[in-house]
Every structure is written in structure tokens, then in C-alpha cells.
Amino acid sequence: MPPDEPRAASVTQPVPAPVYLREYQQLLLDGVLVDRAGRILRSGRCPTCDSLIDGYTCPGSLPCPRCQAEPGRRCRRPSGHAADRWHTARIQNAEAIDHRRAAANDPALLAPWPT
């Protein structure tokens, strides 16, 4: 393999995959999980959505293609009230960014779980 080609990630999480969301969140808070470079993920609260930061793109950090909410703002309902969830298109845009990051082997993404 030429030296400029990305190498397949060999780093995996040091613990088995959690079953429940709460277990995952606790692993983030405890500083147990690592990124693809093997560095401990330092989690905190996302300033946009208040979820725990885990290296993936927060949909709220992007503009919403459906309601035109600006980055950092909640999605809006047709009535103008804040929506209780992100619009699907906004989530799909964040997922597309993360798929491209994974294909490029971005070291800041969460390392895979051991198989």
C-alpha cells in the first residue's frame, strides 16, 4: 500500500458495545471511549442540542434545508414554533457528512466496537 493511502482503522473501543443508550452515555462521561486515533474522547454537552459530544456531526450545527433554520438554531414548525425534533433532511445531511468522514478515515470519529 502506498504511504499516502489511508490505512484501515485498527483501533477499537476498549470495552464491549453497550446495549442501552444510557450505558453509552455513561461510557462517554467516564472517558472510556476512544476515537479512531486511539485518543480518549473528551465528552461534554453540545452547545446546540445539549446531547453528549461523541465526535459525530450534530444536525444542529448545520442549516436546515426544510425550514431554513440557521446553524445553532432549533428547527421550526410551519407555525413558527420551535420543533421538538430535527427535520429529517437536517439529520440526513449530518449523516452524509459523517459517512464521508468515515470513508476518509477521519481520526476524530468514534472508533468501532470490537467484534
C-alpha atoms as a PDB file:
ATOM      1  CA  MET A   1       0.000   0.000   0.000  1.00  0.00           C
ATOM      2  CA  PRO A   2       1.435   3.423  -0.912  1.00  0.00           C
ATOM      3  CA  PRO A   3       2.250   5.657   2.097  1.00  0.00           C
ATOM      4  CA  ASP A   4      -0.288   8.343   1.125  1.00  0.00           C
ATOM      5  CA  GLU A   5      -3.299   5.970   1.161  1.00  0.00           C
ATOM      6  CA  PRO A   6      -5.391   5.911   4.352  1.00  0.00           C
ATOM      7  CA  ARG A   7      -4.849   2.814   6.425  1.00  0.00           C
ATOM      8  CA  ALA A   8      -7.783   0.775   7.704  1.00  0.00           C
ATOM      9  CA  ALA A   9      -8.632   1.619  11.274  1.00  0.00           C
ATOM     10  CA  SER A  10      -7.131  -0.896  13.668  1.00  0.00           C
ATOM     11  CA  VAL A  11      -8.160   0.893  16.858  1.00  0.00           C
ATOM     12  CA  THR A  12     -11.288  -0.453  18.541  1.00  0.00           C
ATOM     13  CA  GLN A  13     -13.152   0.504  21.691  1.00  0.00           C
ATOM     14  CA  PRO A  14     -11.558  -0.896  24.876  1.00  0.00           C
ATOM     15  CA  VAL A  15     -14.938  -2.173  26.111  1.00  0.00           C
ATOM     16  CA  PRO A  16     -17.769  -4.226  24.595  1.00  0.00           C
ATOM     17  CA  ALA A  17     -20.531  -2.306  22.828  1.00  0.00           C
ATOM     18  CA  PRO A  18     -23.179  -1.034  25.257  1.00  0.00           C
ATOM     19  CA  VAL A  19     -26.731  -2.296  24.861  1.00  0.00           C
ATOM     20  CA  TYR A  20     -28.578   0.761  26.105  1.00  0.00           C
ATOM     21  CA  LEU A  21     -28.212   4.461  25.306  1.00  0.00           C
ATOM     22  CA  ARG A  22     -27.693   5.253  28.985  1.00  0.00           C
ATOM     23  CA  GLU A  23     -24.718   2.836  29.088  1.00  0.00           C
ATOM     24  CA  TYR A  24     -23.232   4.542  26.024  1.00  0.00           C
ATOM     25  CA  GLN A  25     -23.692   7.960  27.607  1.00  0.00           C
ATOM     26  CA  GLN A  26     -22.042   6.785  30.819  1.00  0.00           C
ATOM     27  CA  LEU A  27     -19.032   5.460  28.878  1.00  0.00           C
ATOM     28  CA  LEU A  28     -18.707   8.872  27.213  1.00  0.00           C
ATOM     29  CA  LEU A  29     -18.927  10.678  30.548  1.00  0.00           C
ATOM     30  CA  ASP A  30     -16.424   8.304  32.163  1.00  0.00           C
ATOM     31  CA  GLY A  31     -13.846   8.957  29.420  1.00  0.00           C
ATOM     32  CA  VAL A  32     -13.676   5.282  28.433  1.00  0.00           C
ATOM     33  CA  LEU A  33     -14.349   5.577  24.683  1.00  0.00           C
ATOM     34  CA  VAL A  34     -11.663   6.358  22.105  1.00  0.00           C
ATOM     35  CA  ASP A  35     -11.541   7.904  18.648  1.00  0.00           C
ATOM     36  CA  ARG A  36     -10.013   6.209  15.589  1.00  0.00           C
ATOM     37  CA  ALA A  37      -6.599   7.595  16.509  1.00  0.00           C
ATOM     38  CA  GLY A  38      -6.803   5.863  19.908  1.00  0.00           C
ATOM     39  CA  ARG A  39      -7.288   9.100  21.854  1.00  0.00           C
ATOM     40  CA  ILE A  40      -9.751   9.246  24.743  1.00  0.00           C
ATOM     41  CA  LEU A  41     -12.940  11.063  23.716  1.00  0.00           C
ATOM     42  CA  ARG A  42     -13.475  14.026  25.985  1.00  0.00           C
ATOM     43  CA  SER A  43     -17.208  14.494  26.036  1.00  0.00           C
ATOM     44  CA  GLY A  44     -19.219  17.448  27.124  1.00  0.00           C
ATOM     45  CA  ARG A  45     -22.581  18.898  26.254  1.00  0.00           C
ATOM     46  CA  CYS A  46     -23.167  20.035  22.678  1.00  0.00           C
ATOM     47  CA  PRO A  47     -23.961  23.765  22.733  1.00  0.00           C
ATOM     48  CA  THR A  48     -26.602  23.270  20.033  1.00  0.00           C
ATOM     49  CA  CYS A  49     -28.613  20.267  21.167  1.00  0.00           C
ATOM     50  CA  ASP A  50     -27.401  19.574  24.741  1.00  0.00           C
ATOM     51  CA  SER A  51     -26.586  15.934  23.851  1.00  0.00           C
ATOM     52  CA  LEU A  52     -23.216  14.484  24.714  1.00  0.00           C
ATOM     53  CA  ILE A  53     -20.487  15.156  22.156  1.00  0.00           C
ATOM     54  CA  ASP A  54     -19.185  11.920  20.644  1.00  0.00           C
ATOM     55  CA  GLY A  55     -17.287  13.040  17.554  1.00  0.00           C
ATOM     56  CA  TYR A  56     -20.178  12.819  15.107  1.00  0.00           C
ATOM     57  CA  THR A  57     -21.724  15.820  13.360  1.00  0.00           C
ATOM     58  CA  CYS A  58     -24.587  17.399  15.279  1.00  0.00           C
ATOM     59  CA  PRO A  59     -27.521  18.102  12.948  1.00  0.00           C
ATOM     60  CA  GLY A  60     -27.992  21.398  14.754  1.00  0.00           C
ATOM     61  CA  SER A  61     -24.570  22.564  13.615  1.00  0.00           C
ATOM     62  CA  LEU A  62     -25.897  22.628  10.040  1.00  0.00           C
ATOM     63  CA  PRO A  63     -28.556  24.784   8.392  1.00  0.00           C
ATOM     64  CA  CYS A  64     -31.907  23.057   7.938  1.00  0.00           C
ATOM     65  CA  PRO A  65     -32.858  22.616   4.274  1.00  0.00           C
ATOM     66  CA  ARG A  66     -36.552  22.249   5.157  1.00  0.00           C
ATOM     67  CA  CYS A  67     -37.281  25.206   7.445  1.00  0.00           C
ATOM     68  CA  GLN A  68     -34.108  27.239   6.762  1.00  0.00           C
ATOM     69  CA  ALA A  69     -33.160  27.325  10.453  1.00  0.00           C
ATOM     70  CA  GLU A  70     -29.623  28.614  10.805  1.00  0.00           C
ATOM     71  CA  PRO A  71     -26.851  26.529  12.375  1.00  0.00           C
ATOM     72  CA  GLY A  72     -27.230  26.568  16.140  1.00  0.00           C
ATOM     73  CA  ARG A  73     -30.994  27.156  15.957  1.00  0.00           C
ATOM     74  CA  ARG A  74     -33.807  24.684  16.508  1.00  0.00           C
ATOM     75  CA  CYS A  75     -35.902  23.572  13.542  1.00  0.00           C
ATOM     76  CA  ARG A  76     -39.167  25.478  13.168  1.00  0.00           C
ATOM     77  CA  ARG A  77     -42.678  24.195  12.594  1.00  0.00           C
ATOM     78  CA  PRO A  78     -44.810  25.770   9.840  1.00  0.00           C
ATOM     79  CA  SER A  79     -46.494  27.779  12.606  1.00  0.00           C
ATOM     80  CA  GLY A  80     -43.129  29.309  13.506  1.00  0.00           C
ATOM     81  CA  HIS A  81     -42.868  27.494  16.856  1.00  0.00           C
ATOM     82  CA  ALA A  82     -39.739  25.520  17.690  1.00  0.00           C
ATOM     83  CA  ALA A  83     -39.993  21.901  16.585  1.00  0.00           C
ATOM     84  CA  ASP A  84     -39.351  19.220  19.198  1.00  0.00           C
ATOM     85  CA  ARG A  85     -37.080  17.286  16.792  1.00  0.00           C
ATOM     86  CA  TRP A  86     -34.643  17.972  13.969  1.00  0.00           C
ATOM     87  CA  HIS A  87     -36.137  17.743  10.493  1.00  0.00           C
ATOM     88  CA  THR A  88     -35.211  14.511   8.700  1.00  0.00           C
ATOM     89  CA  ALA A  89     -33.340  16.326   5.930  1.00  0.00           C
ATOM     90  CA  ARG A  90     -31.099  18.002   8.506  1.00  0.00           C
ATOM     91  CA  ILE A  91     -30.300  14.658  10.126  1.00  0.00           C
ATOM     92  CA  GLN A  92     -29.610  13.098   6.725  1.00  0.00           C
ATOM     93  CA  ASN A  93     -27.185  15.916   5.874  1.00  0.00           C
ATOM     94  CA  ALA A  94     -25.278  15.315   9.129  1.00  0.00           C
ATOM     95  CA  GLU A  95     -25.188  11.568   8.445  1.00  0.00           C
ATOM     96  CA  ALA A  96     -23.899  12.180   4.893  1.00  0.00           C
ATOM     97  CA  ILE A  97     -21.068  14.304   6.299  1.00  0.00           C
ATOM     98  CA  ASP A  98     -20.167  11.539   8.759  1.00  0.00           C
ATOM     99  CA  HIS A  99     -20.245   8.882   6.015  1.00  0.00           C
ATOM    100  CA  ARG A 100     -17.763  10.977   4.015  1.00  0.00           C
ATOM    101  CA  ARG A 101     -15.626  11.426   7.137  1.00  0.00           C
ATOM    102  CA  ALA A 102     -15.662   7.670   7.751  1.00  0.00           C
ATOM    103  CA  ALA A 103     -14.744   6.954   4.118  1.00  0.00           C
ATOM    104  CA  ALA A 104     -11.809   9.352   4.518  1.00  0.00           C
ATOM    105  CA  ASN A 105     -10.884   7.580   7.785  1.00  0.00           C
ATOM    106  CA  ASP A 106     -11.257  10.749   9.885  1.00  0.00           C
ATOM    107  CA  PRO A 107      -9.366  10.004  13.117  1.00  0.00           C
ATOM    108  CA  ALA A 108     -11.750  12.177  15.181  1.00  0.00           C
ATOM    109  CA  LEU A 109     -14.658   9.749  14.673  1.00  0.00           C
ATOM    110  CA  LEU A 110     -15.570   7.188  17.289  1.00  0.00           C
ATOM    111  CA  ALA A 111     -13.513   4.007  16.939  1.00  0.00           C
ATOM    112  CA  PRO A 112     -15.503   0.890  16.031  1.00  0.00           C
ATOM    113  CA  TRP A 113     -16.551  -1.634  18.641  1.00  0.00           C
ATOM    114  CA  PRO A 114     -14.606  -4.889  18.918  1.00  0.00           C
ATOM    115  CA  THR A 115     -16.165  -7.800  17.060  1.00  0.00           C
END
